[in-house]
Amino acid sequence: MLVLTRKIGESIKINEDVKITVIDVKGKNIRLGIEAPRETKIYREEVFLRIKQENRSAATPADIDMGKISQLMKDKLDS
């Protein structure tokens, strides 16, 4: 992990197209401004992790009764 010290108004660059600027610091809270191309997705980490979990859940098949599927396929082939 790279650790940097920045003051209000100072920035860091990520590649050519992402700029992160420290906007404000109040106690333990820091406000950041992020400039990036519109197609770049930017999420708070907790939101990103929730999206990943939801995607995994959606991709995992629900309880599938292979016996029923097998019987349906057999019936379709017999007809």
PDB file of N, CA and C in Angstrom:
ATOM      1  N   MET A   1       0.847  -1.180   0.000  1.00  0.00           N
ATOM      2  CA  MET A   1       0.000   0.000   0.000  1.00  0.00           C
ATOM      3  C   MET A   1       0.891   1.241   0.000  1.00  0.00           C
ATOM      4  N   LEU A   2       0.611   2.136  -0.890  1.00  0.00           N
ATOM      5  CA  LEU A   2       1.303   3.421  -0.936  1.00  0.00           C
ATOM      6  C   LEU A   2       0.581   4.378   0.011  1.00  0.00           C
ATOM      7  N   VAL A   3       1.308   5.023   0.908  1.00  0.00           N
ATOM      8  CA  VAL A   3       0.728   5.980   1.849  1.00  0.00           C
ATOM      9  C   VAL A   3       1.291   7.352   1.522  1.00  0.00           C
ATOM     10  N   LEU A   4       0.388   8.302   1.279  1.00  0.00           N
ATOM     11  CA  LEU A   4       0.788   9.670   0.930  1.00  0.00           C
ATOM     12  C   LEU A   4       0.213  10.659   1.928  1.00  0.00           C
ATOM     13  N   THR A   5       0.890  11.759   2.117  1.00  0.00           N
ATOM     14  CA  THR A   5       0.376  12.858   2.930  1.00  0.00           C
ATOM     15  C   THR A   5       0.012  13.994   1.978  1.00  0.00           C
ATOM     16  N   ARG A   6      -1.196  14.491   2.078  1.00  0.00           N
ATOM     17  CA  ARG A   6      -1.667  15.589   1.233  1.00  0.00           C
ATOM     18  C   ARG A   6      -2.369  16.609   2.112  1.00  0.00           C
ATOM     19  N   LYS A   7      -2.324  17.852   1.720  1.00  0.00           N
ATOM     20  CA  LYS A   7      -3.029  18.927   2.408  1.00  0.00           C
ATOM     21  C   LYS A   7      -4.264  19.294   1.596  1.00  0.00           C
ATOM     22  N   ILE A   8      -5.152  20.065   2.205  1.00  0.00           N
ATOM     23  CA  ILE A   8      -6.349  20.530   1.498  1.00  0.00           C
ATOM     24  C   ILE A   8      -5.918  21.242   0.214  1.00  0.00           C
ATOM     25  N   GLY A   9      -6.552  20.861  -0.886  1.00  0.00           N
ATOM     26  CA  GLY A   9      -6.239  21.454  -2.185  1.00  0.00           C
ATOM     27  C   GLY A   9      -5.199  20.678  -2.970  1.00  0.00           C
ATOM     28  N   GLU A  10      -4.465  19.784  -2.316  1.00  0.00           N
ATOM     29  CA  GLU A  10      -3.460  18.988  -3.013  1.00  0.00           C
ATOM     30  C   GLU A  10      -4.101  17.732  -3.586  1.00  0.00           C
ATOM     31  N   SER A  11      -3.469  17.194  -4.628  1.00  0.00           N
ATOM     32  CA  SER A  11      -4.046  16.075  -5.371  1.00  0.00           C
ATOM     33  C   SER A  11      -3.046  14.953  -5.556  1.00  0.00           C
ATOM     34  N   ILE A  12      -3.575  13.823  -5.990  1.00  0.00           N
ATOM     35  CA  ILE A  12      -2.759  12.726  -6.503  1.00  0.00           C
ATOM     36  C   ILE A  12      -3.348  12.324  -7.848  1.00  0.00           C
ATOM     37  N   LYS A  13      -2.515  11.789  -8.707  1.00  0.00           N
ATOM     38  CA  LYS A  13      -2.959  11.326 -10.027  1.00  0.00           C
ATOM     39  C   LYS A  13      -2.817   9.822 -10.098  1.00  0.00           C
ATOM     40  N   ILE A  14      -3.794   9.184 -10.716  1.00  0.00           N
ATOM     41  CA  ILE A  14      -3.742   7.749 -10.986  1.00  0.00           C
ATOM     42  C   ILE A  14      -3.857   7.605 -12.501  1.00  0.00           C
ATOM     43  N   ASN A  15      -2.819   7.074 -13.100  1.00  0.00           N
ATOM     44  CA  ASN A  15      -2.718   7.031 -14.562  1.00  0.00           C
ATOM     45  C   ASN A  15      -2.876   8.438 -15.111  1.00  0.00           C
ATOM     46  N   GLU A  16      -3.307   8.539 -16.339  1.00  0.00           N
ATOM     47  CA  GLU A  16      -3.450   9.847 -16.981  1.00  0.00           C
ATOM     48  C   GLU A  16      -4.809  10.488 -16.731  1.00  0.00           C
ATOM     49  N   ASP A  17      -5.788   9.681 -16.303  1.00  0.00           N
ATOM     50  CA  ASP A  17      -7.161  10.182 -16.347  1.00  0.00           C
ATOM     51  C   ASP A  17      -7.904  10.230 -15.015  1.00  0.00           C
ATOM     52  N   VAL A  18      -7.250   9.948 -13.893  1.00  0.00           N
ATOM     53  CA  VAL A  18      -7.925  10.018 -12.596  1.00  0.00           C
ATOM     54  C   VAL A  18      -7.134  10.959 -11.682  1.00  0.00           C
ATOM     55  N   LYS A  19      -7.855  11.915 -11.104  1.00  0.00           N
ATOM     56  CA  LYS A  19      -7.251  12.872 -10.180  1.00  0.00           C
ATOM     57  C   LYS A  19      -8.086  12.894  -8.903  1.00  0.00           C
ATOM     58  N   ILE A  20      -7.416  12.736  -7.757  1.00  0.00           N
ATOM     59  CA  ILE A  20      -8.088  12.754  -6.466  1.00  0.00           C
ATOM     60  C   ILE A  20      -7.535  13.936  -5.679  1.00  0.00           C
ATOM     61  N   THR A  21      -8.455  14.811  -5.227  1.00  0.00           N
ATOM     62  CA  THR A  21      -8.069  16.036  -4.532  1.00  0.00           C
ATOM     63  C   THR A  21      -8.660  16.036  -3.131  1.00  0.00           C
ATOM     64  N   VAL A  22      -7.858  16.428  -2.145  1.00  0.00           N
ATOM     65  CA  VAL A  22      -8.355  16.587  -0.776  1.00  0.00           C
ATOM     66  C   VAL A  22      -9.140  17.895  -0.740  1.00  0.00           C
ATOM     67  N   ILE A  23     -10.422  17.805  -0.424  1.00  0.00           N
ATOM     68  CA  ILE A  23     -11.299  18.971  -0.408  1.00  0.00           C
ATOM     69  C   ILE A  23     -11.381  19.586   0.989  1.00  0.00           C
ATOM     70  N   ASP A  24     -11.514  18.716   2.004  1.00  0.00           N
ATOM     71  CA  ASP A  24     -11.722  19.218   3.361  1.00  0.00           C
ATOM     72  C   ASP A  24     -11.319  18.142   4.359  1.00  0.00           C
ATOM     73  N   VAL A  25     -10.878  18.562   5.536  1.00  0.00           N
ATOM     74  CA  VAL A  25     -10.564  17.649   6.627  1.00  0.00           C
ATOM     75  C   VAL A  25     -11.218  18.208   7.885  1.00  0.00           C
ATOM     76  N   LYS A  26     -12.079  17.381   8.517  1.00  0.00           N
ATOM     77  CA  LYS A  26     -12.722  17.770   9.776  1.00  0.00           C
ATOM     78  C   LYS A  26     -12.591  16.588  10.725  1.00  0.00           C
ATOM     79  N   GLY A  27     -11.733  16.719  11.710  1.00  0.00           N
ATOM     80  CA  GLY A  27     -11.513  15.628  12.654  1.00  0.00           C
ATOM     81  C   GLY A  27     -11.000  14.402  11.922  1.00  0.00           C
ATOM     82  N   LYS A  28     -11.740  13.292  12.028  1.00  0.00           N
ATOM     83  CA  LYS A  28     -11.348  12.045  11.366  1.00  0.00           C
ATOM     84  C   LYS A  28     -11.952  11.914   9.969  1.00  0.00           C
ATOM     85  N   ASN A  29     -12.725  12.888   9.540  1.00  0.00           N
ATOM     86  CA  ASN A  29     -13.375  12.822   8.228  1.00  0.00           C
ATOM     87  C   ASN A  29     -12.598  13.612   7.182  1.00  0.00           C
ATOM     88  N   ILE A  30     -12.463  13.009   6.023  1.00  0.00           N
ATOM     89  CA  ILE A  30     -11.773  13.647   4.900  1.00  0.00           C
ATOM     90  C   ILE A  30     -12.729  13.663   3.715  1.00  0.00           C
ATOM     91  N   ARG A  31     -12.892  14.801   3.071  1.00  0.00           N
ATOM     92  CA  ARG A  31     -13.700  14.893   1.854  1.00  0.00           C
ATOM     93  C   ARG A  31     -12.751  14.889   0.674  1.00  0.00           C
ATOM     94  N   LEU A  32     -13.009  13.979  -0.268  1.00  0.00           N
ATOM     95  CA  LEU A  32     -12.190  13.851  -1.460  1.00  0.00           C
ATOM     96  C   LEU A  32     -13.012  14.194  -2.685  1.00  0.00           C
ATOM     97  N   GLY A  33     -12.384  14.859  -3.636  1.00  0.00           N
ATOM     98  CA  GLY A  33     -12.988  15.082  -4.940  1.00  0.00           C
ATOM     99  C   GLY A  33     -12.294  14.168  -5.931  1.00  0.00           C
ATOM    100  N   ILE A  34     -13.066  13.498  -6.777  1.00  0.00           N
ATOM    101  CA  ILE A  34     -12.483  12.564  -7.737  1.00  0.00           C
ATOM    102  C   ILE A  34     -12.890  12.985  -9.134  1.00  0.00           C
ATOM    103  N   GLU A  35     -11.888  13.239  -9.969  1.00  0.00           N
ATOM    104  CA  GLU A  35     -12.123  13.528 -11.381  1.00  0.00           C
ATOM    105  C   GLU A  35     -11.690  12.309 -12.171  1.00  0.00           C
ATOM    106  N   ALA A  36     -12.624  11.740 -12.937  1.00  0.00           N
ATOM    107  CA  ALA A  36     -12.335  10.540 -13.723  1.00  0.00           C
ATOM    108  C   ALA A  36     -13.275  10.513 -14.919  1.00  0.00           C
ATOM    109  N   PRO A  37     -12.923   9.761 -15.946  1.00  0.00           N
ATOM    110  CA  PRO A  37     -13.828   9.632 -17.081  1.00  0.00           C
ATOM    111  C   PRO A  37     -15.180   9.084 -16.627  1.00  0.00           C
ATOM    112  N   ARG A  38     -16.221   9.503 -17.333  1.00  0.00           N
ATOM    113  CA  ARG A  38     -17.583   9.106 -16.974  1.00  0.00           C
ATOM    114  C   ARG A  38     -17.752   7.588 -16.911  1.00  0.00           C
ATOM    115  N   GLU A  39     -17.033   6.854 -17.767  1.00  0.00           N
ATOM    116  CA  GLU A  39     -17.185   5.397 -17.792  1.00  0.00           C
ATOM    117  C   GLU A  39     -16.462   4.695 -16.636  1.00  0.00           C
ATOM    118  N   THR A  40     -15.679   5.439 -15.862  1.00  0.00           N
ATOM    119  CA  THR A  40     -14.992   4.858 -14.711  1.00  0.00           C
ATOM    120  C   THR A  40     -15.969   4.747 -13.552  1.00  0.00           C
ATOM    121  N   LYS A  41     -16.139   3.541 -13.046  1.00  0.00           N
ATOM    122  CA  LYS A  41     -17.050   3.321 -11.922  1.00  0.00           C
ATOM    123  C   LYS A  41     -16.295   3.582 -10.626  1.00  0.00           C
ATOM    124  N   ILE A  42     -16.894   4.397  -9.765  1.00  0.00           N
ATOM    125  CA  ILE A  42     -16.280   4.743  -8.487  1.00  0.00           C
ATOM    126  C   ILE A  42     -17.306   4.473  -7.395  1.00  0.00           C
ATOM    127  N   TYR A  43     -16.943   3.629  -6.427  1.00  0.00           N
ATOM    128  CA  TYR A  43     -17.841   3.266  -5.329  1.00  0.00           C
ATOM    129  C   TYR A  43     -17.117   3.398  -4.000  1.00  0.00           C
ATOM    130  N   ARG A  44     -17.880   3.674  -2.945  1.00  0.00           N
ATOM    131  CA  ARG A  44     -17.332   3.497  -1.602  1.00  0.00           C
ATOM    132  C   ARG A  44     -17.109   1.997  -1.422  1.00  0.00           C
ATOM    133  N   GLU A  45     -16.104   1.615  -0.656  1.00  0.00           N
ATOM    134  CA  GLU A  45     -15.744   0.199  -0.553  1.00  0.00           C
ATOM    135  C   GLU A  45     -16.911  -0.656  -0.070  1.00  0.00           C
ATOM    136  N   GLU A  46     -17.671  -0.188   0.923  1.00  0.00           N
ATOM    137  CA  GLU A  46     -18.769  -1.005   1.448  1.00  0.00           C
ATOM    138  C   GLU A  46     -19.852  -1.225   0.390  1.00  0.00           C
ATOM    139  N   VAL A  47     -20.063  -0.244  -0.462  1.00  0.00           N
ATOM    140  CA  VAL A  47     -21.036  -0.402  -1.556  1.00  0.00           C
ATOM    141  C   VAL A  47     -20.498  -1.389  -2.589  1.00  0.00           C
ATOM    142  N   PHE A  48     -19.222  -1.260  -2.934  1.00  0.00           N
ATOM    143  CA  PHE A  48     -18.599  -2.161  -3.897  1.00  0.00           C
ATOM    144  C   PHE A  48     -18.683  -3.609  -3.417  1.00  0.00           C
ATOM    145  N   LEU A  49     -18.384  -3.851  -2.143  1.00  0.00           N
ATOM    146  CA  LEU A  49     -18.435  -5.214  -1.605  1.00  0.00           C
ATOM    147  C   LEU A  49     -19.861  -5.761  -1.635  1.00  0.00           C
ATOM    148  N   ARG A  50     -20.854  -4.905  -1.375  1.00  0.00           N
ATOM    149  CA  ARG A  50     -22.267  -5.333  -1.419  1.00  0.00           C
ATOM    150  C   ARG A  50     -22.667  -5.696  -2.851  1.00  0.00           C
ATOM    151  N   ILE A  51     -22.224  -4.910  -3.822  1.00  0.00           N
ATOM    152  CA  ILE A  51     -22.513  -5.193  -5.230  1.00  0.00           C
ATOM    153  C   ILE A  51     -21.909  -6.540  -5.625  1.00  0.00           C
ATOM    154  N   LYS A  52     -20.650  -6.776  -5.224  1.00  0.00           N
ATOM    155  CA  LYS A  52     -20.002  -8.054  -5.534  1.00  0.00           C
ATOM    156  C   LYS A  52     -20.784  -9.221  -4.930  1.00  0.00           C
ATOM    157  N   GLN A  53     -21.244  -9.064  -3.679  1.00  0.00           N
ATOM    158  CA  GLN A  53     -22.007 -10.131  -3.023  1.00  0.00           C
ATOM    159  C   GLN A  53     -23.321 -10.376  -3.756  1.00  0.00           C
ATOM    160  N   GLU A  54     -24.011  -9.308  -4.128  1.00  0.00           N
ATOM    161  CA  GLU A  54     -25.283  -9.444  -4.854  1.00  0.00           C
ATOM    162  C   GLU A  54     -25.062 -10.135  -6.191  1.00  0.00           C
ATOM    163  N   ASN A  55     -23.986  -9.788  -6.880  1.00  0.00           N
ATOM    164  CA  ASN A  55     -23.678 -10.424  -8.166  1.00  0.00           C
ATOM    165  C   ASN A  55     -23.406 -11.917  -7.987  1.00  0.00           C
ATOM    166  N   ARG A  56     -22.660 -12.253  -6.932  1.00  0.00           N
ATOM    167  CA  ARG A  56     -22.393 -13.674  -6.665  1.00  0.00           C
ATOM    168  C   ARG A  56     -23.683 -14.421  -6.375  1.00  0.00           C
ATOM    169  N   SER A  57     -24.555 -13.807  -5.585  1.00  0.00           N
ATOM    170  CA  SER A  57     -25.834 -14.443  -5.250  1.00  0.00           C
ATOM    171  C   SER A  57     -26.689 -14.649  -6.495  1.00  0.00           C
ATOM    172  N   ALA A  58     -26.702 -13.653  -7.362  1.00  0.00           N
ATOM    173  CA  ALA A  58     -27.510 -13.756  -8.586  1.00  0.00           C
ATOM    174  C   ALA A  58     -26.956 -14.809  -9.533  1.00  0.00           C
ATOM    175  N   ALA A  59     -25.644 -15.015  -9.515  1.00  0.00           N
ATOM    176  CA  ALA A  59     -25.015 -15.972 -10.420  1.00  0.00           C
ATOM    177  C   ALA A  59     -25.099 -17.402  -9.901  1.00  0.00           C
ATOM    178  N   THR A  60     -25.396 -17.557  -8.617  1.00  0.00           N
ATOM    179  CA  THR A  60     -25.494 -18.885  -8.028  1.00  0.00           C
ATOM    180  C   THR A  60     -26.906 -19.411  -8.240  1.00  0.00           C
ATOM    181  N   PRO A  61     -27.040 -20.555  -8.906  1.00  0.00           N
ATOM    182  CA  PRO A  61     -28.385 -21.073  -9.148  1.00  0.00           C
ATOM    183  C   PRO A  61     -29.080 -21.428  -7.846  1.00  0.00           C
ATOM    184  N   ALA A  62     -30.376 -21.204  -7.817  1.00  0.00           N
ATOM    185  CA  ALA A  62     -31.184 -21.591  -6.664  1.00  0.00           C
ATOM    186  C   ALA A  62     -31.216 -23.119  -6.605  1.00  0.00           C
ATOM    187  N   ASP A  63     -31.833 -23.652  -5.593  1.00  0.00           N
ATOM    188  CA  ASP A  63     -31.924 -25.103  -5.473  1.00  0.00           C
ATOM    189  C   ASP A  63     -32.550 -25.682  -6.735  1.00  0.00           C
ATOM    190  N   ILE A  64     -31.776 -26.462  -7.450  1.00  0.00           N
ATOM    191  CA  ILE A  64     -32.233 -27.056  -8.703  1.00  0.00           C
ATOM    192  C   ILE A  64     -32.488 -28.539  -8.470  1.00  0.00           C
ATOM    193  N   ASP A  65     -33.675 -28.974  -8.841  1.00  0.00           N
ATOM    194  CA  ASP A  65     -34.013 -30.392  -8.736  1.00  0.00           C
ATOM    195  C   ASP A  65     -33.630 -31.050 -10.061  1.00  0.00           C
ATOM    196  N   MET A  66     -32.445 -31.656 -10.081  1.00  0.00           N
ATOM    197  CA  MET A  66     -31.940 -32.261 -11.319  1.00  0.00           C
ATOM    198  C   MET A  66     -32.857 -33.390 -11.783  1.00  0.00           C
ATOM    199  N   GLY A  67     -33.516 -34.056 -10.858  1.00  0.00           N
ATOM    200  CA  GLY A  67     -34.452 -35.117 -11.229  1.00  0.00           C
ATOM    201  C   GLY A  67     -35.592 -34.573 -12.068  1.00  0.00           C
ATOM    202  N   LYS A  68     -36.150 -33.428 -11.658  1.00  0.00           N
ATOM    203  CA  LYS A  68     -37.248 -32.811 -12.407  1.00  0.00           C
ATOM    204  C   LYS A  68     -36.771 -32.371 -13.789  1.00  0.00           C
ATOM    205  N   ILE A  69     -35.589 -31.788 -13.850  1.00  0.00           N
ATOM    206  CA  ILE A  69     -35.045 -31.342 -15.135  1.00  0.00           C
ATOM    207  C   ILE A  69     -34.834 -32.529 -16.056  1.00  0.00           C
ATOM    208  N   SER A  70     -34.293 -33.588 -15.509  1.00  0.00           N
ATOM    209  CA  SER A  70     -34.052 -34.798 -16.289  1.00  0.00           C
ATOM    210  C   SER A  70     -35.358 -35.370 -16.833  1.00  0.00           C
ATOM    211  N   GLN A  71     -36.374 -35.397 -15.978  1.00  0.00           N
ATOM    212  CA  GLN A  71     -37.684 -35.922 -16.392  1.00  0.00           C
ATOM    213  C   GLN A  71     -38.312 -35.037 -17.460  1.00  0.00           C
ATOM    214  N   LEU A  72     -38.207 -33.729 -17.319  1.00  0.00           N
ATOM    215  CA  LEU A  72     -38.751 -32.807 -18.314  1.00  0.00           C
ATOM    216  C   LEU A  72     -38.062 -33.006 -19.667  1.00  0.00           C
ATOM    217  N   MET A  73     -36.745 -33.173 -19.641  1.00  0.00           N
ATOM    218  CA  MET A  73     -36.009 -33.383 -20.885  1.00  0.00           C
ATOM    219  C   MET A  73     -36.420 -34.705 -21.534  1.00  0.00           C
ATOM    220  N   LYS A  74     -36.568 -35.747 -20.724  1.00  0.00           N
ATOM    221  CA  LYS A  74     -36.979 -37.047 -21.216  1.00  0.00           C
ATOM    222  C   LYS A  74     -38.369 -36.962 -21.851  1.00  0.00           C
ATOM    223  N   ASP A  75     -39.297 -36.290 -21.136  1.00  0.00           N
ATOM    224  CA  ASP A  75     -40.671 -36.145 -21.640  1.00  0.00           C
ATOM    225  C   ASP A  75     -40.670 -35.379 -22.950  1.00  0.00           C
ATOM    226  N   LYS A  76     -39.852 -34.364 -23.055  1.00  0.00           N
ATOM    227  CA  LYS A  76     -39.786 -33.557 -24.279  1.00  0.00           C
ATOM    228  C   LYS A  76     -39.249 -34.384 -25.438  1.00  0.00           C
ATOM    229  N   LEU A  77     -38.239 -35.203 -25.165  1.00  0.00           N
ATOM    230  CA  LEU A  77     -37.663 -36.047 -26.219  1.00  0.00           C
ATOM    231  C   LEU A  77     -38.634 -37.148 -26.656  1.00  0.00           C
ATOM    232  N   ASP A  78     -39.444 -37.655 -25.703  1.00  0.00           N
ATOM    233  CA  ASP A  78     -40.398 -38.721 -26.014  1.00  0.00           C
ATOM    234  C   ASP A  78     -41.604 -38.202 -26.805  1.00  0.00           C
ATOM    235  N   SER A  79     -41.891 -36.940 -26.707  1.00  0.00           N
ATOM    236  CA  SER A  79     -43.088 -36.429 -27.387  1.00  0.00           C
ATOM    237  C   SER A  79     -42.811 -35.976 -28.800  1.00  0.00           C
TER     238      SER A  79
END
